Amino acid sequence: MKIPRGVAGSHLADVLCRRWQYSKVHQEGSHIILETSEPAHQRIAIPAHNPVRVGTFVSILRAVAKHKHVSRDAIIQTL
């Protein structure tokens, strides 16, 4: 599946919170800090930019997919 372009950081953070059991901890400057405890503890920073750069977006997808034991495409479909 192709990587979507033009995804806002705030939208990505909202999707991760609603569908992937992440919760917003706080925001430091232009970065939204999310964390989850399922299946183990993970904390990630999402830049609150519009849009998030493609390389950064792919890196976030890779980290979430690896942690949740799902494919990157499964996360993209929920956007």
C-alpha atoms as a PDB file:
ATOM      1  CA  MET A   1       0.000   0.000   0.000  1.00  0.00           C
ATOM      2  CA  LYS A   2       1.235   3.479  -0.829  1.00  0.00           C
ATOM      3  CA  ILE A   3       2.214   5.811   1.965  1.00  0.00           C
ATOM      4  CA  PRO A   4      -0.374   8.617   2.216  1.00  0.00           C
ATOM      5  CA  ARG A   5       0.915  12.142   1.767  1.00  0.00           C
ATOM      6  CA  GLY A   6      -0.216  15.206   3.625  1.00  0.00           C
ATOM      7  CA  VAL A   7      -1.106  13.588   6.958  1.00  0.00           C
ATOM      8  CA  ALA A   8      -1.175  16.077   9.819  1.00  0.00           C
ATOM      9  CA  GLY A   9       0.598  15.137  13.045  1.00  0.00           C
ATOM     10  CA  SER A  10      -2.465  15.915  15.156  1.00  0.00           C
ATOM     11  CA  HIS A  11      -4.601  13.609  12.980  1.00  0.00           C
ATOM     12  CA  LEU A  12      -2.036  10.812  13.280  1.00  0.00           C
ATOM     13  CA  ALA A  13      -1.947  11.225  17.057  1.00  0.00           C
ATOM     14  CA  ASP A  14      -5.773  11.120  17.221  1.00  0.00           C
ATOM     15  CA  VAL A  15      -5.914   7.900  15.169  1.00  0.00           C
ATOM     16  CA  LEU A  16      -3.254   6.231  17.315  1.00  0.00           C
ATOM     17  CA  CYS A  17      -5.192   7.196  20.452  1.00  0.00           C
ATOM     18  CA  ARG A  18      -8.604   6.063  19.179  1.00  0.00           C
ATOM     19  CA  ARG A  19      -7.660   2.849  17.388  1.00  0.00           C
ATOM     20  CA  TRP A  20      -4.319   1.645  18.737  1.00  0.00           C
ATOM     21  CA  GLN A  21      -4.608   2.163  22.539  1.00  0.00           C
ATOM     22  CA  TYR A  22      -2.194   5.086  22.800  1.00  0.00           C
ATOM     23  CA  SER A  23      -2.861   7.974  25.154  1.00  0.00           C
ATOM     24  CA  LYS A  24      -1.639  11.552  24.964  1.00  0.00           C
ATOM     25  CA  VAL A  25       0.769  12.248  27.816  1.00  0.00           C
ATOM     26  CA  HIS A  26       1.583  15.876  27.034  1.00  0.00           C
ATOM     27  CA  GLN A  27       2.883  18.192  24.356  1.00  0.00           C
ATOM     28  CA  GLU A  28       6.384  19.643  24.355  1.00  0.00           C
ATOM     29  CA  GLY A  29       6.648  22.482  21.889  1.00  0.00           C
ATOM     30  CA  SER A  30       5.627  21.117  18.519  1.00  0.00           C
ATOM     31  CA  HIS A  31       5.747  17.429  19.523  1.00  0.00           C
ATOM     32  CA  ILE A  32       2.856  15.390  20.886  1.00  0.00           C
ATOM     33  CA  ILE A  33       4.035  12.666  23.281  1.00  0.00           C
ATOM     34  CA  LEU A  34       2.000   9.438  23.215  1.00  0.00           C
ATOM     35  CA  GLU A  35       2.413   6.275  25.230  1.00  0.00           C
ATOM     36  CA  THR A  36       0.885   2.825  25.482  1.00  0.00           C
ATOM     37  CA  SER A  37       1.235  -0.112  27.817  1.00  0.00           C
ATOM     38  CA  GLU A  38      -0.144  -2.767  25.462  1.00  0.00           C
ATOM     39  CA  PRO A  39       1.591  -5.192  24.887  1.00  0.00           C
ATOM     40  CA  ALA A  40       4.473  -3.408  26.669  1.00  0.00           C
ATOM     41  CA  HIS A  41       5.371   0.185  27.486  1.00  0.00           C
ATOM     42  CA  GLN A  42       6.222   2.420  24.541  1.00  0.00           C
ATOM     43  CA  ARG A  43       6.491   6.183  24.283  1.00  0.00           C
ATOM     44  CA  ILE A  44       6.663   7.987  20.941  1.00  0.00           C
ATOM     45  CA  ALA A  45       6.835  11.619  19.842  1.00  0.00           C
ATOM     46  CA  ILE A  46       4.632  12.803  16.984  1.00  0.00           C
ATOM     47  CA  PRO A  47       5.533  16.157  15.414  1.00  0.00           C
ATOM     48  CA  ALA A  48       2.481  18.423  15.360  1.00  0.00           C
ATOM     49  CA  HIS A  49       3.297  19.583  11.844  1.00  0.00           C
ATOM     50  CA  ASN A  50       0.961  19.796   8.895  1.00  0.00           C
ATOM     51  CA  PRO A  51       1.950  17.700   7.012  1.00  0.00           C
ATOM     52  CA  VAL A  52       4.389  15.353   8.736  1.00  0.00           C
ATOM     53  CA  ARG A  53       7.381  14.653   6.504  1.00  0.00           C
ATOM     54  CA  VAL A  54       7.206  11.321   4.699  1.00  0.00           C
ATOM     55  CA  GLY A  55      10.372   9.894   6.266  1.00  0.00           C
ATOM     56  CA  THR A  56       9.202  10.799   9.756  1.00  0.00           C
ATOM     57  CA  PHE A  57       5.759   9.366   9.033  1.00  0.00           C
ATOM     58  CA  VAL A  58       7.248   6.068   7.799  1.00  0.00           C
ATOM     59  CA  SER A  59       9.469   5.875  10.885  1.00  0.00           C
ATOM     60  CA  ILE A  60       6.475   6.347  13.214  1.00  0.00           C
ATOM     61  CA  LEU A  61       4.475   3.716  11.299  1.00  0.00           C
ATOM     62  CA  ARG A  62       7.370   1.272  11.508  1.00  0.00           C
ATOM     63  CA  ALA A  63       7.744   1.756  15.274  1.00  0.00           C
ATOM     64  CA  VAL A  64       4.015   1.355  15.974  1.00  0.00           C
ATOM     65  CA  ALA A  65       3.667  -1.665  13.668  1.00  0.00           C
ATOM     66  CA  LYS A  66       6.627  -3.424  15.261  1.00  0.00           C
ATOM     67  CA  HIS A  67       5.386  -2.715  18.792  1.00  0.00           C
ATOM     68  CA  LYS A  68       1.783  -3.796  18.096  1.00  0.00           C
ATOM     69  CA  HIS A  69       2.824  -6.824  15.976  1.00  0.00           C
ATOM     70  CA  VAL A  70       0.778  -5.727  12.943  1.00  0.00           C
ATOM     71  CA  SER A  71       1.664  -4.728   9.419  1.00  0.00           C
ATOM     72  CA  ARG A  72       2.286  -1.148   8.430  1.00  0.00           C
ATOM     73  CA  ASP A  73      -0.648  -1.434   6.000  1.00  0.00           C
ATOM     74  CA  ALA A  74      -3.026  -2.242   8.863  1.00  0.00           C
ATOM     75  CA  ILE A  75      -2.180   1.085  10.474  1.00  0.00           C
ATOM     76  CA  ILE A  76      -2.434   2.989   7.175  1.00  0.00           C
ATOM     77  CA  GLN A  77      -5.950   1.608   6.599  1.00  0.00           C
ATOM     78  CA  THR A  78      -7.144   3.161   9.875  1.00  0.00           C
ATOM     79  CA  LEU A  79      -6.044   6.680   8.864  1.00  0.00           C
END
